[in-house]
N, C-alpha and C. Protein backbone atom coordinates (compact mmCIF):
# COMPACT_ATOMS: atom_id res chain seq x y z
N MET A 1 10.41 57.64 -4.91
CA MET A 1 11.38 56.59 -4.95
C MET A 1 11.88 56.37 -6.34
N THR A 2 13.14 56.20 -6.57
CA THR A 2 13.74 56.07 -7.89
C THR A 2 13.66 54.70 -8.40
N PHE A 3 13.95 54.53 -9.66
CA PHE A 3 13.82 53.15 -10.30
C PHE A 3 14.61 52.11 -9.59
N PRO A 4 15.98 52.29 -9.35
CA PRO A 4 16.79 51.27 -8.81
C PRO A 4 16.29 50.73 -7.52
N TRP A 5 15.74 51.71 -6.64
CA TRP A 5 15.30 51.35 -5.33
C TRP A 5 14.02 50.55 -5.47
N ALA A 6 13.31 50.77 -6.53
CA ALA A 6 12.01 50.02 -6.71
C ALA A 6 12.19 48.53 -7.03
N LEU A 7 13.32 48.17 -7.56
CA LEU A 7 13.72 46.87 -7.81
C LEU A 7 14.68 46.26 -6.66
N ALA A 8 15.43 47.13 -6.00
CA ALA A 8 16.39 46.74 -4.99
C ALA A 8 15.65 46.20 -3.77
N VAL A 9 14.57 46.81 -3.26
CA VAL A 9 13.88 46.37 -2.05
C VAL A 9 13.29 45.01 -2.24
N PRO A 10 12.64 44.68 -3.25
CA PRO A 10 11.99 43.37 -3.46
C PRO A 10 13.14 42.34 -3.70
N GLY A 11 14.29 42.72 -4.35
CA GLY A 11 15.42 41.80 -4.51
C GLY A 11 16.05 41.56 -3.26
N ILE A 12 16.28 42.49 -2.39
CA ILE A 12 16.86 42.18 -1.08
C ILE A 12 15.96 41.29 -0.18
N ILE A 13 14.70 41.53 -0.20
CA ILE A 13 13.82 40.73 0.64
C ILE A 13 13.82 39.34 -0.03
N PHE A 14 13.83 39.08 -1.27
CA PHE A 14 13.87 37.83 -1.84
C PHE A 14 15.12 37.10 -1.43
N PHE A 15 16.37 37.76 -1.50
CA PHE A 15 17.57 37.07 -1.22
C PHE A 15 17.78 36.87 0.27
N VAL A 16 17.12 37.70 1.12
CA VAL A 16 17.33 37.48 2.60
C VAL A 16 16.44 36.45 3.19
N PHE A 17 15.13 36.48 2.69
CA PHE A 17 14.14 35.61 3.33
C PHE A 17 13.84 34.41 2.42
N ILE A 18 13.59 34.56 1.24
CA ILE A 18 13.10 33.43 0.34
C ILE A 18 14.14 32.55 -0.06
N VAL A 19 15.32 32.93 -0.45
CA VAL A 19 16.36 32.02 -0.91
C VAL A 19 16.83 31.13 0.22
N PRO A 20 17.09 31.60 1.44
CA PRO A 20 17.43 30.67 2.38
C PRO A 20 16.49 29.67 2.80
N LEU A 21 15.20 29.94 2.86
CA LEU A 21 14.20 29.08 3.05
C LEU A 21 13.99 27.99 2.01
N TRP A 22 14.14 28.52 0.70
CA TRP A 22 14.03 27.73 -0.38
C TRP A 22 15.16 26.63 -0.34
N ILE A 23 16.46 26.95 -0.08
CA ILE A 23 17.45 26.13 0.01
C ILE A 23 17.23 25.11 1.17
N THR A 24 16.86 25.62 2.25
CA THR A 24 16.62 24.67 3.40
C THR A 24 15.57 23.71 3.18
N TYR A 25 14.40 24.04 2.56
CA TYR A 25 13.44 23.10 2.24
C TYR A 25 13.90 22.11 1.17
N HIS A 26 14.74 22.63 0.23
CA HIS A 26 15.15 21.73 -0.83
C HIS A 26 16.03 20.50 -0.12
N TYR A 27 17.01 20.92 0.70
CA TYR A 27 17.77 19.93 1.37
C TYR A 27 17.08 18.93 2.41
N ILE A 28 16.04 19.63 2.98
CA ILE A 28 15.22 18.84 3.91
C ILE A 28 14.47 17.79 3.04
N THR A 29 14.05 18.07 1.92
CA THR A 29 13.37 17.14 1.00
C THR A 29 14.22 16.06 0.48
N VAL A 30 15.42 16.46 0.11
CA VAL A 30 16.44 15.53 -0.46
C VAL A 30 16.83 14.46 0.83
N TRP A 31 16.92 14.97 2.11
CA TRP A 31 17.22 14.13 3.17
C TRP A 31 16.01 13.17 3.40
N MET A 32 14.86 13.71 3.34
CA MET A 32 13.67 12.76 3.58
C MET A 32 13.53 11.66 2.62
N ARG A 33 13.84 11.95 1.28
CA ARG A 33 13.79 11.06 0.31
C ARG A 33 14.90 9.98 0.57
N MET A 34 16.12 10.42 0.93
CA MET A 34 17.12 9.43 1.23
C MET A 34 16.75 8.62 2.34
N ARG A 35 16.22 9.16 3.46
CA ARG A 35 15.83 8.27 4.52
C ARG A 35 14.64 7.31 4.25
N ALA A 36 13.73 7.82 3.37
CA ALA A 36 12.68 6.84 2.93
C ALA A 36 13.11 5.72 2.13
N GLY A 37 14.07 5.94 1.29
CA GLY A 37 14.63 4.95 0.38
C GLY A 37 15.92 4.26 0.97
N ALA A 38 16.26 4.68 2.11
CA ALA A 38 17.39 4.06 2.93
C ALA A 38 18.66 4.01 1.94
N ALA A 39 18.83 5.08 1.27
CA ALA A 39 20.08 5.17 0.30
C ALA A 39 20.87 6.39 0.73
N SER A 40 22.21 6.17 0.54
CA SER A 40 23.02 7.33 0.68
C SER A 40 23.41 7.91 -0.66
N PRO A 41 23.93 9.10 -0.73
CA PRO A 41 24.20 9.66 -1.98
C PRO A 41 25.13 8.77 -2.83
N GLY A 42 24.75 8.60 -4.05
CA GLY A 42 25.59 7.69 -4.95
C GLY A 42 25.05 6.29 -4.89
N LYS A 43 24.24 5.90 -4.08
CA LYS A 43 23.69 4.55 -4.04
C LYS A 43 22.30 4.52 -4.75
N VAL A 44 21.99 3.36 -5.28
CA VAL A 44 20.69 3.13 -5.94
C VAL A 44 19.87 2.16 -5.14
N VAL A 45 18.69 2.51 -4.94
CA VAL A 45 17.64 1.62 -4.19
C VAL A 45 17.04 0.66 -5.24
N ILE A 46 17.13 -0.65 -5.02
CA ILE A 46 16.52 -1.58 -5.99
C ILE A 46 15.51 -2.30 -5.21
N GLU A 47 14.37 -2.54 -5.75
CA GLU A 47 13.28 -3.29 -5.19
C GLU A 47 13.71 -4.67 -5.13
N ARG A 48 13.22 -5.40 -4.21
CA ARG A 48 13.57 -6.77 -3.96
C ARG A 48 13.12 -7.69 -5.14
N ALA A 49 11.93 -7.44 -5.74
CA ALA A 49 11.44 -8.22 -6.89
C ALA A 49 12.42 -7.85 -8.06
N GLU A 50 12.91 -6.78 -8.30
CA GLU A 50 13.73 -6.50 -9.42
C GLU A 50 15.18 -7.20 -9.23
N LEU A 51 15.51 -7.28 -7.92
CA LEU A 51 16.88 -7.94 -7.65
C LEU A 51 16.74 -9.54 -7.90
N ASP A 52 15.52 -9.98 -7.43
CA ASP A 52 15.29 -11.44 -7.67
C ASP A 52 15.24 -11.73 -9.17
N ARG A 53 14.55 -10.83 -10.02
CA ARG A 53 14.44 -11.10 -11.41
C ARG A 53 15.84 -10.99 -11.99
N MET A 54 16.69 -10.11 -11.57
CA MET A 54 18.04 -10.02 -12.14
C MET A 54 18.84 -11.33 -11.77
N ARG A 55 18.61 -11.76 -10.61
CA ARG A 55 19.39 -13.10 -10.22
C ARG A 55 18.88 -14.20 -11.20
N VAL A 56 17.55 -14.37 -11.31
CA VAL A 56 17.18 -15.48 -12.15
C VAL A 56 17.63 -15.27 -13.57
N LEU A 57 17.68 -14.10 -14.07
CA LEU A 57 18.23 -13.78 -15.47
C LEU A 57 19.67 -14.20 -15.46
N GLY A 58 20.47 -13.80 -14.40
CA GLY A 58 21.94 -14.17 -14.47
C GLY A 58 22.05 -15.67 -14.42
N GLU A 59 21.27 -16.49 -13.67
CA GLU A 59 21.39 -17.96 -13.75
C GLU A 59 21.07 -18.48 -15.02
N ARG A 60 19.93 -17.90 -15.65
CA ARG A 60 19.67 -18.43 -17.12
C ARG A 60 20.82 -18.17 -18.07
N LEU A 61 21.38 -17.04 -18.01
CA LEU A 61 22.54 -16.72 -18.82
C LEU A 61 23.69 -17.52 -18.50
N GLU A 62 24.00 -17.96 -17.32
CA GLU A 62 25.00 -18.82 -16.95
C GLU A 62 24.81 -20.12 -17.49
N GLN A 63 23.61 -20.73 -17.43
CA GLN A 63 23.19 -21.94 -18.00
C GLN A 63 23.43 -22.02 -19.60
N ARG A 64 23.00 -20.87 -20.15
CA ARG A 64 23.15 -20.81 -21.65
C ARG A 64 24.67 -20.86 -22.06
N ILE A 65 25.51 -20.09 -21.25
CA ILE A 65 26.91 -20.23 -21.51
C ILE A 65 27.52 -21.55 -21.39
N GLU A 66 27.05 -22.18 -20.31
CA GLU A 66 27.60 -23.56 -20.10
C GLU A 66 27.16 -24.42 -21.37
N SER A 67 25.98 -24.27 -21.80
CA SER A 67 25.44 -25.12 -22.94
C SER A 67 26.25 -24.85 -24.09
N LEU A 68 26.52 -23.55 -24.43
CA LEU A 68 27.31 -23.24 -25.49
C LEU A 68 28.74 -23.72 -25.46
N GLU A 69 29.34 -23.81 -24.29
CA GLU A 69 30.66 -24.30 -23.98
C GLU A 69 30.65 -25.73 -24.34
N THR A 70 29.66 -26.49 -23.89
CA THR A 70 29.57 -27.88 -24.16
C THR A 70 29.52 -28.21 -25.58
N ILE A 71 28.70 -27.45 -26.38
CA ILE A 71 28.49 -27.66 -27.78
C ILE A 71 29.82 -27.32 -28.44
N LEU A 72 30.44 -26.36 -28.06
CA LEU A 72 31.78 -25.95 -28.64
C LEU A 72 32.86 -26.97 -28.26
N ASP A 73 32.91 -27.60 -27.09
CA ASP A 73 33.87 -28.64 -26.80
C ASP A 73 33.67 -29.86 -27.69
N ALA A 74 32.36 -30.18 -27.88
CA ALA A 74 32.12 -31.33 -28.79
C ALA A 74 32.45 -31.16 -30.16
N GLU A 75 32.17 -29.85 -30.71
CA GLU A 75 32.40 -29.60 -32.10
C GLU A 75 33.72 -29.07 -32.48
N ALA A 76 34.30 -28.37 -31.68
CA ALA A 76 35.63 -27.69 -31.92
C ALA A 76 36.43 -27.83 -30.69
N PRO A 77 37.14 -28.85 -30.32
CA PRO A 77 37.87 -29.03 -29.07
C PRO A 77 38.91 -27.98 -28.87
N GLU A 78 39.44 -27.37 -29.87
CA GLU A 78 40.50 -26.53 -29.80
C GLU A 78 40.09 -25.04 -29.54
N TRP A 79 38.83 -24.82 -29.36
CA TRP A 79 38.26 -23.47 -29.25
C TRP A 79 38.85 -22.63 -28.06
N ARG A 80 39.16 -23.26 -27.02
CA ARG A 80 39.54 -22.59 -25.73
C ARG A 80 41.03 -22.10 -26.02
N LYS A 81 41.79 -22.79 -26.80
CA LYS A 81 43.15 -22.45 -27.02
C LYS A 81 43.52 -21.24 -28.00
N ARG A 82 42.39 -20.69 -28.65
CA ARG A 82 42.58 -19.68 -29.54
C ARG A 82 42.62 -18.38 -28.80
């Protein structure tokens, strides 16, 4: 057997059998992860606790902005016109 055939046979076996199985199992794994997380491609799965934490943080920030606007209205009534 010559040198090129010594590498060609394992290469052909690799590309004919191993690569298709590898690709198939890769996409099965991706599909299972998406199904488990209930997300489609491009979407992010957020835990309920994290979503609640972000909602509370948003409410606190809104209260702070209202407080700052109240202070600015009292100290510099013209600030909204700038």
